[in-house]
Amino acid sequence: MSFELVDLRALAPQPWKNGAGTMRDIAVVPPGASMSDFDWRVSVAEVTRDAPFSAFPGVDRWIVLLSGAGLHLRSADGGIDRRLDRIGDVFAFSGDAAIDSTLIADRSEAFNLLVRRGSGRGEVLDVTQAADLGLADAGVLLCCEGDWRVDDTGNELPPMHAMLWRGAMPSLKVVPRSSSGRLLVAQVHLP
């Protein structure tokens, strides 16, 4: 079983595609791919001001609020009008949409999965109790709260640490080490 352990605090922030914020890439596939030729990517973005989202034509996106009061997302065509104000709430949308983001209060952080159409299909799960995770062709586990044990790997994930599989992500059992915890699971299924 081949995976990588990632400490988010050790990742250097980089600008969004449109320069309106910063993010930390947990995974980019293929490694070294640019913002216009990745197959899939997982990141954590810091939002400190109202700004448009970067456009990603041909890409499906998932966003999850990690911290802060959240964001209000609106598309130019009126098709999206969504308050992302609950920690762990998963919202999927098309990267083709022109979206403006307004902070509900101060800064917020958000988890993002982007999958290029034709390269695979993605899903993001918000896990708050012991769970059995199914097989995927690739994936990321991000510990947001508490400490989690990942059975069959011998690993424990403290907050803001991730496990990454660029190849086959096995079926796993994840268990919080205390009464409360939050784990985000991004899975990619290849065509």
C-alpha atoms as a PDB file:
ATOM      1  CA  MET A   1       0.000   0.000   0.000  1.00  0.00           C
ATOM      2  CA  SER A   2       1.720   3.199  -1.174  1.00  0.00           C
ATOM      3  CA  PHE A   3       0.692   6.541   0.315  1.00  0.00           C
ATOM      4  CA  GLU A   4       2.215   9.856   1.340  1.00  0.00           C
ATOM      5  CA  LEU A   5       1.752  11.681   4.655  1.00  0.00           C
ATOM      6  CA  VAL A   6       1.372  15.452   4.295  1.00  0.00           C
ATOM      7  CA  ASP A   7       1.557  18.151   6.993  1.00  0.00           C
ATOM      8  CA  LEU A   8      -0.424  21.126   5.681  1.00  0.00           C
ATOM      9  CA  ARG A   9       1.656  23.539   7.771  1.00  0.00           C
ATOM     10  CA  ALA A  10       4.757  22.454   5.811  1.00  0.00           C
ATOM     11  CA  LEU A  11       3.216  23.311   2.420  1.00  0.00           C
ATOM     12  CA  ALA A  12       4.130  26.671   0.924  1.00  0.00           C
ATOM     13  CA  PRO A  13       1.168  28.914   0.072  1.00  0.00           C
ATOM     14  CA  GLN A  14       0.816  29.808  -3.586  1.00  0.00           C
ATOM     15  CA  PRO A  15      -1.517  32.189  -5.406  1.00  0.00           C
ATOM     16  CA  TRP A  16      -4.865  31.129  -6.813  1.00  0.00           C
ATOM     17  CA  LYS A  17      -5.050  30.808 -10.571  1.00  0.00           C
ATOM     18  CA  ASN A  18      -6.583  34.332 -10.695  1.00  0.00           C
ATOM     19  CA  GLY A  19      -4.281  35.714  -7.958  1.00  0.00           C
ATOM     20  CA  ALA A  20      -7.196  36.686  -5.648  1.00  0.00           C
ATOM     21  CA  GLY A  21      -6.177  34.426  -2.746  1.00  0.00           C
ATOM     22  CA  THR A  22      -3.742  31.737  -1.642  1.00  0.00           C
ATOM     23  CA  MET A  23      -3.855  27.949  -1.418  1.00  0.00           C
ATOM     24  CA  ARG A  24      -1.774  24.989  -0.331  1.00  0.00           C
ATOM     25  CA  ASP A  25      -1.762  22.057  -2.751  1.00  0.00           C
ATOM     26  CA  ILE A  26      -2.033  18.661  -1.063  1.00  0.00           C
ATOM     27  CA  ALA A  27      -1.964  16.792  -4.376  1.00  0.00           C
ATOM     28  CA  VAL A  28      -1.646  17.568  -8.068  1.00  0.00           C
ATOM     29  CA  VAL A  29      -1.923  14.755 -10.616  1.00  0.00           C
ATOM     30  CA  PRO A  30       0.107  14.354 -12.640  1.00  0.00           C
ATOM     31  CA  PRO A  31       2.812  15.781 -10.349  1.00  0.00           C
ATOM     32  CA  GLY A  32       4.032  19.152 -11.585  1.00  0.00           C
ATOM     33  CA  ALA A  33       0.947  19.784 -13.738  1.00  0.00           C
ATOM     34  CA  SER A  34      -0.056  23.416 -14.203  1.00  0.00           C
ATOM     35  CA  MET A  35      -3.432  24.967 -13.403  1.00  0.00           C
ATOM     36  CA  SER A  36      -4.545  24.229 -16.972  1.00  0.00           C
ATOM     37  CA  ASP A  37      -3.394  20.627 -17.487  1.00  0.00           C
ATOM     38  CA  PHE A  38      -3.959  18.704 -14.235  1.00  0.00           C
ATOM     39  CA  ASP A  39      -6.157  15.592 -14.141  1.00  0.00           C
ATOM     40  CA  TRP A  40      -7.147  16.214 -10.511  1.00  0.00           C
ATOM     41  CA  ARG A  41      -5.972  18.289  -7.574  1.00  0.00           C
ATOM     42  CA  VAL A  42      -6.730  18.724  -3.876  1.00  0.00           C
ATOM     43  CA  SER A  43      -5.944  21.915  -1.971  1.00  0.00           C
ATOM     44  CA  VAL A  44      -6.813  24.057   1.014  1.00  0.00           C
ATOM     45  CA  ALA A  45      -7.558  27.693   0.144  1.00  0.00           C
ATOM     46  CA  GLU A  46      -7.396  30.707   2.419  1.00  0.00           C
ATOM     47  CA  VAL A  47     -10.020  33.333   1.614  1.00  0.00           C
ATOM     48  CA  THR A  48      -9.298  36.747   3.139  1.00  0.00           C
ATOM     49  CA  ARG A  49     -11.399  39.030   0.935  1.00  0.00           C
ATOM     50  CA  ASP A  50     -14.349  39.079  -1.430  1.00  0.00           C
ATOM     51  CA  ALA A  51     -13.175  37.873  -4.844  1.00  0.00           C
ATOM     52  CA  PRO A  52     -14.194  35.902  -7.906  1.00  0.00           C
ATOM     53  CA  PHE A  53     -13.319  32.215  -7.979  1.00  0.00           C
ATOM     54  CA  SER A  54     -10.813  31.117 -10.587  1.00  0.00           C
ATOM     55  CA  ALA A  55     -12.495  29.701 -13.696  1.00  0.00           C
ATOM     56  CA  PHE A  56     -11.751  26.045 -14.497  1.00  0.00           C
ATOM     57  CA  PRO A  57     -13.586  25.157 -17.732  1.00  0.00           C
ATOM     58  CA  GLY A  58     -14.097  21.410 -18.147  1.00  0.00           C
ATOM     59  CA  VAL A  59     -13.522  20.728 -14.433  1.00  0.00           C
ATOM     60  CA  ASP A  60     -15.908  19.518 -11.714  1.00  0.00           C
ATOM     61  CA  ARG A  61     -15.332  21.074  -8.283  1.00  0.00           C
ATOM     62  CA  TRP A  62     -16.131  20.299  -4.648  1.00  0.00           C
ATOM     63  CA  ILE A  63     -15.642  22.782  -1.814  1.00  0.00           C
ATOM     64  CA  VAL A  64     -15.966  22.263   1.956  1.00  0.00           C
ATOM     65  CA  LEU A  65     -15.727  24.973   4.633  1.00  0.00           C
ATOM     66  CA  LEU A  66     -12.898  24.140   7.090  1.00  0.00           C
ATOM     67  CA  SER A  67     -12.845  27.236   9.301  1.00  0.00           C
ATOM     68  CA  GLY A  68     -14.292  30.711   9.605  1.00  0.00           C
ATOM     69  CA  ALA A  69     -17.818  32.028   9.144  1.00  0.00           C
ATOM     70  CA  GLY A  70     -17.901  30.960   5.511  1.00  0.00           C
ATOM     71  CA  LEU A  71     -18.608  32.243   2.039  1.00  0.00           C
ATOM     72  CA  HIS A  72     -21.594  33.254  -0.028  1.00  0.00           C
ATOM     73  CA  LEU A  73     -21.161  31.917  -3.575  1.00  0.00           C
ATOM     74  CA  ARG A  74     -23.098  33.429  -6.486  1.00  0.00           C
ATOM     75  CA  SER A  75     -22.776  32.710 -10.188  1.00  0.00           C
ATOM     76  CA  ALA A  76     -23.133  35.419 -12.807  1.00  0.00           C
ATOM     77  CA  ASP A  77     -26.023  33.558 -14.473  1.00  0.00           C
ATOM     78  CA  GLY A  78     -27.947  33.192 -11.188  1.00  0.00           C
ATOM     79  CA  GLY A  79     -27.725  29.392 -11.270  1.00  0.00           C
ATOM     80  CA  ILE A  80     -25.698  29.279  -8.038  1.00  0.00           C
ATOM     81  CA  ASP A  81     -26.644  31.198  -4.901  1.00  0.00           C
ATOM     82  CA  ARG A  82     -25.218  29.231  -1.976  1.00  0.00           C
ATOM     83  CA  ARG A  83     -24.134  30.112   1.540  1.00  0.00           C
ATOM     84  CA  LEU A  84     -21.280  27.854   2.574  1.00  0.00           C
ATOM     85  CA  ASP A  85     -21.502  28.525   6.305  1.00  0.00           C
ATOM     86  CA  ARG A  86     -21.449  25.126   8.022  1.00  0.00           C
ATOM     87  CA  ILE A  87     -18.130  23.409   8.733  1.00  0.00           C
ATOM     88  CA  GLY A  88     -18.066  20.134   6.794  1.00  0.00           C
ATOM     89  CA  ASP A  89     -20.857  21.028   4.348  1.00  0.00           C
ATOM     90  CA  VAL A  90     -19.867  19.655   0.907  1.00  0.00           C
ATOM     91  CA  PHE A  91     -20.887  21.669  -2.178  1.00  0.00           C
ATOM     92  CA  ALA A  92     -20.275  20.404  -5.737  1.00  0.00           C
ATOM     93  CA  PHE A  93     -20.406  22.687  -8.771  1.00  0.00           C
ATOM     94  CA  SER A  94     -19.035  23.154 -12.278  1.00  0.00           C
ATOM     95  CA  GLY A  95     -15.712  24.919 -12.747  1.00  0.00           C
ATOM     96  CA  ASP A  96     -17.245  26.449 -15.883  1.00  0.00           C
ATOM     97  CA  ALA A  97     -19.439  28.740 -13.757  1.00  0.00           C
ATOM     98  CA  ALA A  98     -18.297  32.326 -13.189  1.00  0.00           C
ATOM     99  CA  ILE A  99     -18.627  32.570  -9.389  1.00  0.00           C
ATOM    100  CA  ASP A 100     -18.157  35.492  -7.044  1.00  0.00           C
ATOM    101  CA  SER A 101     -17.329  34.743  -3.416  1.00  0.00           C
ATOM    102  CA  THR A 102     -18.299  37.077  -0.574  1.00  0.00           C
ATOM    103  CA  LEU A 103     -16.989  36.482   2.943  1.00  0.00           C
ATOM    104  CA  ILE A 104     -19.772  36.155   5.506  1.00  0.00           C
ATOM    105  CA  ALA A 105     -17.459  37.588   8.172  1.00  0.00           C
ATOM    106  CA  ASP A 106     -13.683  37.442   8.553  1.00  0.00           C
ATOM    107  CA  ARG A 107     -11.308  35.046   6.762  1.00  0.00           C
ATOM    108  CA  SER A 108     -12.234  31.438   6.007  1.00  0.00           C
ATOM    109  CA  GLU A 109     -10.453  28.291   4.858  1.00  0.00           C
ATOM    110  CA  ALA A 110     -11.891  25.797   2.410  1.00  0.00           C
ATOM    111  CA  PHE A 111     -10.964  22.316   1.179  1.00  0.00           C
ATOM    112  CA  ASN A 112     -11.166  21.836  -2.597  1.00  0.00           C
ATOM    113  CA  LEU A 113     -11.230  18.875  -4.969  1.00  0.00           C
ATOM    114  CA  LEU A 114     -11.026  19.581  -8.713  1.00  0.00           C
ATOM    115  CA  VAL A 115     -11.361  16.778 -11.283  1.00  0.00           C
ATOM    116  CA  ARG A 116     -11.057  17.346 -15.027  1.00  0.00           C
ATOM    117  CA  ARG A 117     -14.015  15.820 -16.874  1.00  0.00           C
ATOM    118  CA  GLY A 118     -12.879  12.788 -18.850  1.00  0.00           C
ATOM    119  CA  SER A 119      -9.993  12.203 -16.403  1.00  0.00           C
ATOM    120  CA  GLY A 120     -12.223  10.732 -13.707  1.00  0.00           C
ATOM    121  CA  ARG A 121     -15.081  11.373 -11.358  1.00  0.00           C
ATOM    122  CA  GLY A 122     -14.742  12.616  -7.811  1.00  0.00           C
ATOM    123  CA  GLU A 123     -16.571  12.705  -4.529  1.00  0.00           C
ATOM    124  CA  VAL A 124     -15.966  14.281  -1.137  1.00  0.00           C
ATOM    125  CA  LEU A 125     -17.258  12.796   2.114  1.00  0.00           C
ATOM    126  CA  ASP A 126     -17.465  14.523   5.498  1.00  0.00           C
ATOM    127  CA  VAL A 127     -16.827  11.817   8.119  1.00  0.00           C
ATOM    128  CA  THR A 128     -17.497  12.445  11.835  1.00  0.00           C
ATOM    129  CA  GLN A 129     -17.598   8.876  13.193  1.00  0.00           C
ATOM    130  CA  ALA A 130     -15.964   5.505  12.494  1.00  0.00           C
ATOM    131  CA  ALA A 131     -16.538   4.538   8.867  1.00  0.00           C
ATOM    132  CA  ASP A 132     -15.589   1.998   6.245  1.00  0.00           C
ATOM    133  CA  LEU A 133     -14.326   3.731   3.115  1.00  0.00           C
ATOM    134  CA  GLY A 134     -14.693   2.008  -0.232  1.00  0.00           C
ATOM    135  CA  LEU A 135     -12.042   1.504  -2.866  1.00  0.00           C
ATOM    136  CA  ALA A 136     -11.024   4.369  -5.134  1.00  0.00           C
ATOM    137  CA  ASP A 137      -8.411   4.818  -7.837  1.00  0.00           C
ATOM    138  CA  ALA A 138      -6.816   7.654  -5.842  1.00  0.00           C
ATOM    139  CA  GLY A 139      -7.666   9.830  -2.878  1.00  0.00           C
ATOM    140  CA  VAL A 140      -6.869  12.019   0.095  1.00  0.00           C
ATOM    141  CA  LEU A 141      -7.859  11.823   3.760  1.00  0.00           C
ATOM    142  CA  LEU A 142      -7.605  15.185   5.558  1.00  0.00           C
ATOM    143  CA  CYS A 143      -7.903  15.280   9.348  1.00  0.00           C
ATOM    144  CA  CYS A 144      -9.730  18.501  10.229  1.00  0.00           C
ATOM    145  CA  GLU A 145     -10.573  17.871  13.923  1.00  0.00           C
ATOM    146  CA  GLY A 146      -9.422  15.388  16.525  1.00  0.00           C
ATOM    147  CA  ASP A 147      -7.032  12.529  15.825  1.00  0.00           C
ATOM    148  CA  TRP A 148      -7.962   9.654  13.513  1.00  0.00           C
ATOM    149  CA  ARG A 149      -6.659   6.113  13.264  1.00  0.00           C
ATOM    150  CA  VAL A 150      -6.450   4.699   9.745  1.00  0.00           C
ATOM    151  CA  ASP A 151      -6.688   0.927  10.128  1.00  0.00           C
ATOM    152  CA  ASP A 152      -4.551  -1.290   7.893  1.00  0.00           C
ATOM    153  CA  THR A 153      -1.939   1.472   7.465  1.00  0.00           C
ATOM    154  CA  GLY A 154      -0.715   1.690  11.057  1.00  0.00           C
ATOM    155  CA  ASN A 155      -1.056   5.474  10.882  1.00  0.00           C
ATOM    156  CA  GLU A 156      -2.748   8.109  12.959  1.00  0.00           C
ATOM    157  CA  LEU A 157      -3.638  11.497  11.540  1.00  0.00           C
ATOM    158  CA  PRO A 158      -3.491  14.585  13.778  1.00  0.00           C
ATOM    159  CA  PRO A 159      -5.342  17.780  12.754  1.00  0.00           C
ATOM    160  CA  MET A 160      -4.323  19.361   9.438  1.00  0.00           C
ATOM    161  CA  HIS A 161      -2.428  16.274   8.290  1.00  0.00           C
ATOM    162  CA  ALA A 162      -3.372  14.271   5.217  1.00  0.00           C
ATOM    163  CA  MET A 163      -2.780  10.855   3.680  1.00  0.00           C
ATOM    164  CA  LEU A 164      -2.536  10.826  -0.112  1.00  0.00           C
ATOM    165  CA  TRP A 165      -2.829   7.954  -2.594  1.00  0.00           C
ATOM    166  CA  ARG A 166      -1.904   8.853  -6.177  1.00  0.00           C
ATOM    167  CA  GLY A 167      -2.569   5.239  -7.128  1.00  0.00           C
ATOM    168  CA  ALA A 168      -5.146   2.806  -5.785  1.00  0.00           C
ATOM    169  CA  MET A 169      -6.710   3.899  -2.495  1.00  0.00           C
ATOM    170  CA  PRO A 170      -7.617   0.726  -0.630  1.00  0.00           C
ATOM    171  CA  SER A 171     -10.773   0.016   1.292  1.00  0.00           C
ATOM    172  CA  LEU A 172     -10.073   1.474   4.756  1.00  0.00           C
ATOM    173  CA  LYS A 173     -11.631   1.759   8.179  1.00  0.00           C
ATOM    174  CA  VAL A 174     -11.185   5.174   9.821  1.00  0.00           C
ATOM    175  CA  VAL A 175     -11.815   5.675  13.540  1.00  0.00           C
ATOM    176  CA  PRO A 176     -11.741   8.915  15.576  1.00  0.00           C
ATOM    177  CA  ARG A 177      -9.527   8.644  18.661  1.00  0.00           C
ATOM    178  CA  SER A 178     -11.889  10.773  20.776  1.00  0.00           C
ATOM    179  CA  SER A 179     -15.613  11.459  20.965  1.00  0.00           C
ATOM    180  CA  SER A 180     -15.457  14.189  18.327  1.00  0.00           C
ATOM    181  CA  GLY A 181     -13.575  14.536  15.093  1.00  0.00           C
ATOM    182  CA  ARG A 182     -13.895  15.431  11.428  1.00  0.00           C
ATOM    183  CA  LEU A 183     -12.186  13.777   8.478  1.00  0.00           C
ATOM    184  CA  LEU A 184     -12.627  14.821   4.863  1.00  0.00           C
ATOM    185  CA  VAL A 185     -12.290  12.086   2.256  1.00  0.00           C
ATOM    186  CA  ALA A 186     -11.687  13.032  -1.383  1.00  0.00           C
ATOM    187  CA  GLN A 187     -11.888  10.074  -3.742  1.00  0.00           C
ATOM    188  CA  VAL A 188     -11.163   9.956  -7.469  1.00  0.00           C
ATOM    189  CA  HIS A 189     -12.528   7.191  -9.674  1.00  0.00           C
ATOM    190  CA  LEU A 190     -10.775   6.886 -13.035  1.00  0.00           C
ATOM    191  CA  PRO A 191     -12.643   6.137 -16.283  1.00  0.00           C
END
